[in-house]
Amino acid sequence: MGIVPYNPRVATSERLQKLEKLLERDPNDAFLLYGIALEHKKLGDAKSAIEFLNKVIAVDPGYCYAYHQKGLTFESTGDVESAKSAYKDGIEAATKKGDAHAREEIAAALSMIE
């Protein structure tokens, strides 16, 4: 039969299935929701990625990098206004949380599209 070549889409899909199975045990796990969002983003499913990033933010409004990834995902779809809004929300969340590093990274992303 031989060696099956590595297919990143299949590997990502398998990771997504594993993460979804773990999420069944704890549907409000922000880390798992974030991981699922990133897997959807890798698969090119921006709509699902944004839905899961919104779930992360609903569960943990201080999860700063969810806003960052949401902005990046909106940018990838060409929705610059929604990206700006996500970045601004992320800057506010990082400020409230006291996470200067996240705030700087998100502000840098925003400055690149303003």
N, C-alpha and C. Protein backbone atom coordinates (compact mmCIF):
# COMPACT_ATOMS: atom_id res chain seq x y z
N MET A 1 0.82 -1.19 0.00
CA MET A 1 0.00 0.00 0.00
C MET A 1 0.86 1.25 0.00
N GLY A 2 1.96 1.27 0.68
CA GLY A 2 2.87 2.42 0.65
C GLY A 2 2.52 3.45 1.71
N ILE A 3 3.32 4.47 1.71
CA ILE A 3 3.16 5.56 2.67
C ILE A 3 2.13 6.55 2.14
N VAL A 4 1.20 6.92 2.99
CA VAL A 4 0.20 7.91 2.61
C VAL A 4 0.81 9.29 2.83
N PRO A 5 0.80 10.14 1.81
CA PRO A 5 1.39 11.47 1.97
C PRO A 5 0.64 12.31 3.01
N TYR A 6 1.38 13.16 3.67
CA TYR A 6 0.79 14.04 4.69
C TYR A 6 -0.14 15.04 4.02
N ASN A 7 -1.33 15.14 4.54
CA ASN A 7 -2.30 16.09 4.01
C ASN A 7 -2.70 17.00 5.17
N PRO A 8 -2.24 18.28 5.16
CA PRO A 8 -2.53 19.16 6.29
C PRO A 8 -4.03 19.39 6.52
N ARG A 9 -4.84 19.35 5.47
CA ARG A 9 -6.29 19.54 5.65
C ARG A 9 -6.89 18.37 6.44
N VAL A 10 -6.45 17.17 6.14
CA VAL A 10 -6.95 15.99 6.86
C VAL A 10 -6.48 16.05 8.31
N ALA A 11 -5.20 16.40 8.52
CA ALA A 11 -4.67 16.49 9.88
C ALA A 11 -5.43 17.55 10.68
N THR A 12 -5.70 18.67 10.06
CA THR A 12 -6.42 19.73 10.75
C THR A 12 -7.84 19.28 11.07
N SER A 13 -8.45 18.60 10.12
CA SER A 13 -9.81 18.11 10.34
C SER A 13 -9.84 17.11 11.50
N GLU A 14 -8.82 16.26 11.58
CA GLU A 14 -8.74 15.30 12.68
C GLU A 14 -8.57 16.02 14.02
N ARG A 15 -7.73 17.06 14.04
CA ARG A 15 -7.56 17.85 15.26
C ARG A 15 -8.88 18.50 15.66
N LEU A 16 -9.58 19.02 14.67
CA LEU A 16 -10.87 19.66 14.92
C LEU A 16 -11.84 18.66 15.56
N GLN A 17 -11.89 17.46 15.03
CA GLN A 17 -12.78 16.44 15.59
C GLN A 17 -12.40 16.11 17.03
N LYS A 18 -11.12 16.01 17.32
CA LYS A 18 -10.67 15.72 18.68
C LYS A 18 -11.04 16.85 19.64
N LEU A 19 -10.84 18.09 19.19
CA LEU A 19 -11.17 19.23 20.03
C LEU A 19 -12.68 19.30 20.29
N GLU A 20 -13.46 19.03 19.25
CA GLU A 20 -14.92 19.05 19.42
C GLU A 20 -15.39 17.98 20.40
N LYS A 21 -14.74 16.84 20.37
CA LYS A 21 -15.08 15.77 21.30
C LYS A 21 -14.76 16.19 22.74
N LEU A 22 -13.61 16.83 22.93
CA LEU A 22 -13.26 17.33 24.27
C LEU A 22 -14.24 18.40 24.72
N LEU A 23 -14.70 19.22 23.79
CA LEU A 23 -15.62 20.31 24.12
C LEU A 23 -16.96 19.78 24.63
N GLU A 24 -17.32 18.57 24.20
CA GLU A 24 -18.58 17.97 24.67
C GLU A 24 -18.58 17.85 26.20
N ARG A 25 -17.42 17.61 26.78
CA ARG A 25 -17.31 17.45 28.23
C ARG A 25 -17.42 18.79 28.95
N ASP A 26 -16.91 19.84 28.32
CA ASP A 26 -16.92 21.17 28.94
C ASP A 26 -17.17 22.22 27.86
N PRO A 27 -18.44 22.47 27.53
CA PRO A 27 -18.77 23.38 26.43
C PRO A 27 -18.38 24.84 26.65
N ASN A 28 -17.97 25.19 27.86
CA ASN A 28 -17.57 26.56 28.14
C ASN A 28 -16.07 26.70 28.37
N ASP A 29 -15.29 25.78 27.84
CA ASP A 29 -13.84 25.83 27.98
C ASP A 29 -13.30 26.80 26.92
N ALA A 30 -12.88 27.97 27.37
CA ALA A 30 -12.43 29.01 26.44
C ALA A 30 -11.23 28.55 25.60
N PHE A 31 -10.33 27.79 26.22
CA PHE A 31 -9.14 27.31 25.49
C PHE A 31 -9.54 26.38 24.35
N LEU A 32 -10.47 25.46 24.62
CA LEU A 32 -10.94 24.55 23.57
C LEU A 32 -11.71 25.31 22.49
N LEU A 33 -12.55 26.24 22.89
CA LEU A 33 -13.29 27.04 21.90
C LEU A 33 -12.33 27.81 21.01
N TYR A 34 -11.28 28.36 21.61
CA TYR A 34 -10.26 29.10 20.85
C TYR A 34 -9.54 28.17 19.88
N GLY A 35 -9.18 27.00 20.34
CA GLY A 35 -8.52 26.02 19.48
C GLY A 35 -9.39 25.62 18.30
N ILE A 36 -10.66 25.41 18.55
CA ILE A 36 -11.60 25.06 17.49
C ILE A 36 -11.71 26.22 16.49
N ALA A 37 -11.76 27.44 17.00
CA ALA A 37 -11.82 28.60 16.11
C ALA A 37 -10.61 28.65 15.19
N LEU A 38 -9.43 28.41 15.74
CA LEU A 38 -8.21 28.44 14.93
C LEU A 38 -8.18 27.32 13.90
N GLU A 39 -8.72 26.17 14.26
CA GLU A 39 -8.78 25.07 13.29
C GLU A 39 -9.72 25.43 12.14
N HIS A 40 -10.85 26.04 12.45
CA HIS A 40 -11.76 26.48 11.39
C HIS A 40 -11.07 27.51 10.50
N LYS A 41 -10.32 28.40 11.13
CA LYS A 41 -9.59 29.43 10.36
C LYS A 41 -8.60 28.77 9.41
N LYS A 42 -7.87 27.78 9.90
CA LYS A 42 -6.90 27.05 9.06
C LYS A 42 -7.57 26.37 7.88
N LEU A 43 -8.79 25.90 8.11
CA LEU A 43 -9.54 25.22 7.04
C LEU A 43 -10.19 26.20 6.06
N GLY A 44 -10.05 27.50 6.35
CA GLY A 44 -10.62 28.51 5.46
C GLY A 44 -12.08 28.79 5.73
N ASP A 45 -12.58 28.35 6.87
CA ASP A 45 -13.98 28.57 7.24
C ASP A 45 -14.06 29.76 8.19
N ALA A 46 -13.99 30.95 7.61
CA ALA A 46 -13.96 32.18 8.41
C ALA A 46 -15.23 32.35 9.24
N LYS A 47 -16.37 32.01 8.66
CA LYS A 47 -17.64 32.18 9.38
C LYS A 47 -17.65 31.37 10.68
N SER A 48 -17.28 30.10 10.60
CA SER A 48 -17.24 29.27 11.81
C SER A 48 -16.16 29.75 12.77
N ALA A 49 -15.03 30.18 12.24
CA ALA A 49 -13.95 30.69 13.10
C ALA A 49 -14.45 31.87 13.92
N ILE A 50 -15.15 32.80 13.26
CA ILE A 50 -15.66 33.97 13.97
C ILE A 50 -16.73 33.57 14.98
N GLU A 51 -17.58 32.62 14.63
CA GLU A 51 -18.60 32.15 15.58
C GLU A 51 -17.95 31.60 16.85
N PHE A 52 -16.89 30.80 16.68
CA PHE A 52 -16.23 30.23 17.85
C PHE A 52 -15.44 31.29 18.62
N LEU A 53 -14.86 32.25 17.92
CA LEU A 53 -14.17 33.33 18.62
C LEU A 53 -15.17 34.15 19.43
N ASN A 54 -16.36 34.35 18.90
CA ASN A 54 -17.41 35.04 19.66
C ASN A 54 -17.79 34.26 20.91
N LYS A 55 -17.80 32.93 20.80
CA LYS A 55 -18.10 32.08 21.97
C LYS A 55 -17.01 32.23 23.02
N VAL A 56 -15.75 32.28 22.57
CA VAL A 56 -14.63 32.47 23.51
C VAL A 56 -14.84 33.77 24.28
N ILE A 57 -15.14 34.84 23.55
CA ILE A 57 -15.30 36.16 24.15
C ILE A 57 -16.50 36.17 25.10
N ALA A 58 -17.57 35.48 24.76
CA ALA A 58 -18.74 35.41 25.63
C ALA A 58 -18.40 34.69 26.94
N VAL A 59 -17.60 33.63 26.85
CA VAL A 59 -17.22 32.85 28.03
C VAL A 59 -16.18 33.58 28.86
N ASP A 60 -15.23 34.23 28.17
CA ASP A 60 -14.12 34.90 28.85
C ASP A 60 -13.80 36.21 28.13
N PRO A 61 -14.45 37.31 28.51
CA PRO A 61 -14.24 38.59 27.84
C PRO A 61 -12.80 39.10 27.92
N GLY A 62 -12.00 38.52 28.80
CA GLY A 62 -10.60 38.92 28.93
C GLY A 62 -9.64 38.10 28.09
N TYR A 63 -10.16 37.20 27.25
CA TYR A 63 -9.32 36.35 26.40
C TYR A 63 -8.90 37.20 25.19
N CYS A 64 -7.89 38.02 25.41
CA CYS A 64 -7.50 39.07 24.46
C CYS A 64 -7.18 38.57 23.06
N TYR A 65 -6.53 37.43 22.97
CA TYR A 65 -6.11 36.97 21.65
C TYR A 65 -7.28 36.48 20.80
N ALA A 66 -8.43 36.24 21.41
CA ALA A 66 -9.62 35.92 20.63
C ALA A 66 -10.03 37.13 19.79
N TYR A 67 -9.91 38.31 20.37
CA TYR A 67 -10.22 39.53 19.61
C TYR A 67 -9.22 39.72 18.47
N HIS A 68 -7.96 39.45 18.79
CA HIS A 68 -6.91 39.58 17.77
C HIS A 68 -7.17 38.65 16.59
N GLN A 69 -7.45 37.39 16.90
CA GLN A 69 -7.72 36.42 15.84
C GLN A 69 -9.01 36.76 15.09
N LYS A 70 -9.98 37.29 15.81
CA LYS A 70 -11.22 37.70 15.16
C LYS A 70 -10.93 38.81 14.16
N GLY A 71 -10.13 39.77 14.56
CA GLY A 71 -9.74 40.84 13.65
C GLY A 71 -8.99 40.32 12.44
N LEU A 72 -8.05 39.42 12.67
CA LEU A 72 -7.29 38.83 11.56
C LEU A 72 -8.20 38.06 10.61
N THR A 73 -9.17 37.36 11.18
CA THR A 73 -10.10 36.58 10.35
C THR A 73 -10.96 37.52 9.52
N PHE A 74 -11.47 38.57 10.13
CA PHE A 74 -12.24 39.55 9.36
C PHE A 74 -11.39 40.16 8.25
N GLU A 75 -10.13 40.46 8.57
CA GLU A 75 -9.23 41.01 7.55
C GLU A 75 -9.10 40.05 6.37
N SER A 76 -8.98 38.76 6.67
CA SER A 76 -8.79 37.76 5.61
C SER A 76 -10.00 37.68 4.69
N THR A 77 -11.16 38.11 5.19
CA THR A 77 -12.37 38.10 4.35
C THR A 77 -12.58 39.43 3.65
N GLY A 78 -11.74 40.41 3.96
CA GLY A 78 -11.87 41.73 3.35
C GLY A 78 -12.78 42.67 4.12
N ASP A 79 -13.26 42.25 5.28
CA ASP A 79 -14.16 43.07 6.09
C ASP A 79 -13.32 43.91 7.07
N VAL A 80 -12.76 44.98 6.55
CA VAL A 80 -11.84 45.81 7.32
C VAL A 80 -12.54 46.52 8.48
N GLU A 81 -13.76 46.96 8.27
CA GLU A 81 -14.48 47.66 9.35
C GLU A 81 -14.74 46.73 10.54
N SER A 82 -15.14 45.51 10.27
CA SER A 82 -15.35 44.55 11.36
C SER A 82 -14.03 44.20 12.03
N ALA A 83 -12.95 44.14 11.25
CA ALA A 83 -11.63 43.88 11.83
C ALA A 83 -11.24 45.00 12.78
N LYS A 84 -11.46 46.25 12.35
CA LYS A 84 -11.14 47.39 13.21
C LYS A 84 -11.93 47.32 14.51
N SER A 85 -13.19 46.99 14.40
CA SER A 85 -14.05 46.90 15.58
C SER A 85 -13.54 45.81 16.53
N ALA A 86 -13.18 44.66 15.98
CA ALA A 86 -12.66 43.56 16.81
C ALA A 86 -11.37 43.97 17.50
N TYR A 87 -10.48 44.64 16.77
CA TYR A 87 -9.22 45.10 17.37
C TYR A 87 -9.47 46.11 18.48
N LYS A 88 -10.39 47.05 18.24
CA LYS A 88 -10.70 48.06 19.26
C LYS A 88 -11.27 47.40 20.51
N ASP A 89 -12.16 46.43 20.33
CA ASP A 89 -12.70 45.69 21.47
C ASP A 89 -11.58 44.94 22.20
N GLY A 90 -10.64 44.40 21.45
CA GLY A 90 -9.51 43.68 22.04
C GLY A 90 -8.60 44.59 22.84
N ILE A 91 -8.38 45.79 22.32
CA ILE A 91 -7.56 46.76 23.05
C ILE A 91 -8.23 47.12 24.37
N GLU A 92 -9.54 47.31 24.32
CA GLU A 92 -10.29 47.62 25.54
C GLU A 92 -10.23 46.46 26.54
N ALA A 93 -10.39 45.24 26.04
CA ALA A 93 -10.34 44.06 26.92
C ALA A 93 -8.95 43.90 27.54
N ALA A 94 -7.92 44.11 26.73
CA ALA A 94 -6.55 43.97 27.24
C ALA A 94 -6.24 45.05 28.27
N THR A 95 -6.76 46.25 28.04
CA THR A 95 -6.56 47.34 29.00
C THR A 95 -7.24 47.00 30.32
N LYS A 96 -8.49 46.52 30.25
CA LYS A 96 -9.22 46.14 31.48
C LYS A 96 -8.50 45.02 32.22
N LYS A 97 -7.93 44.09 31.46
CA LYS A 97 -7.25 42.94 32.06
C LYS A 97 -5.86 43.31 32.57
N GLY A 98 -5.32 44.41 32.07
CA GLY A 98 -3.96 44.82 32.45
C GLY A 98 -2.89 44.07 31.68
N ASP A 99 -3.24 43.58 30.49
CA ASP A 99 -2.30 42.83 29.66
C ASP A 99 -1.70 43.77 28.61
N ALA A 100 -0.60 44.42 29.00
CA ALA A 100 0.03 45.41 28.13
C ALA A 100 0.58 44.79 26.85
N HIS A 101 1.10 43.58 26.95
CA HIS A 101 1.66 42.91 25.77
C HIS A 101 0.57 42.66 24.72
N ALA A 102 -0.54 42.10 25.15
CA ALA A 102 -1.65 41.84 24.23
C ALA A 102 -2.16 43.16 23.66
N ARG A 103 -2.27 44.17 24.51
CA ARG A 103 -2.76 45.47 24.05
C ARG A 103 -1.87 46.01 22.94
N GLU A 104 -0.56 45.93 23.12
CA GLU A 104 0.39 46.43 22.11
C GLU A 104 0.26 45.65 20.80
N GLU A 105 0.16 44.33 20.90
CA GLU A 105 0.04 43.51 19.68
C GLU A 105 -1.24 43.83 18.92
N ILE A 106 -2.34 43.96 19.64
CA ILE A 106 -3.62 44.24 18.98
C ILE A 106 -3.62 45.66 18.41
N ALA A 107 -3.04 46.60 19.14
CA ALA A 107 -2.94 47.98 18.65
C ALA A 107 -2.09 48.04 17.38
N ALA A 108 -1.03 47.25 17.34
CA ALA A 108 -0.18 47.20 16.14
C ALA A 108 -0.96 46.67 14.94
N ALA A 109 -1.78 45.65 15.17
CA ALA A 109 -2.59 45.10 14.09
C ALA A 109 -3.58 46.15 13.59
N LEU A 110 -4.20 46.88 14.53
CA LEU A 110 -5.14 47.92 14.16
C LEU A 110 -4.46 49.03 13.36
N SER A 111 -3.27 49.42 13.80
CA SER A 111 -2.56 50.52 13.12
C SER A 111 -2.20 50.17 11.67
N MET A 112 -2.09 48.88 11.38
CA MET A 112 -1.74 48.46 10.03
C MET A 112 -2.90 48.60 9.05
N ILE A 113 -4.12 48.72 9.57
CA ILE A 113 -5.26 48.83 8.65
C ILE A 113 -5.96 50.19 8.75
N GLU A 114 -5.50 51.04 9.64
CA GLU A 114 -6.13 52.37 9.75
C GLU A 114 -5.44 53.35 8.83
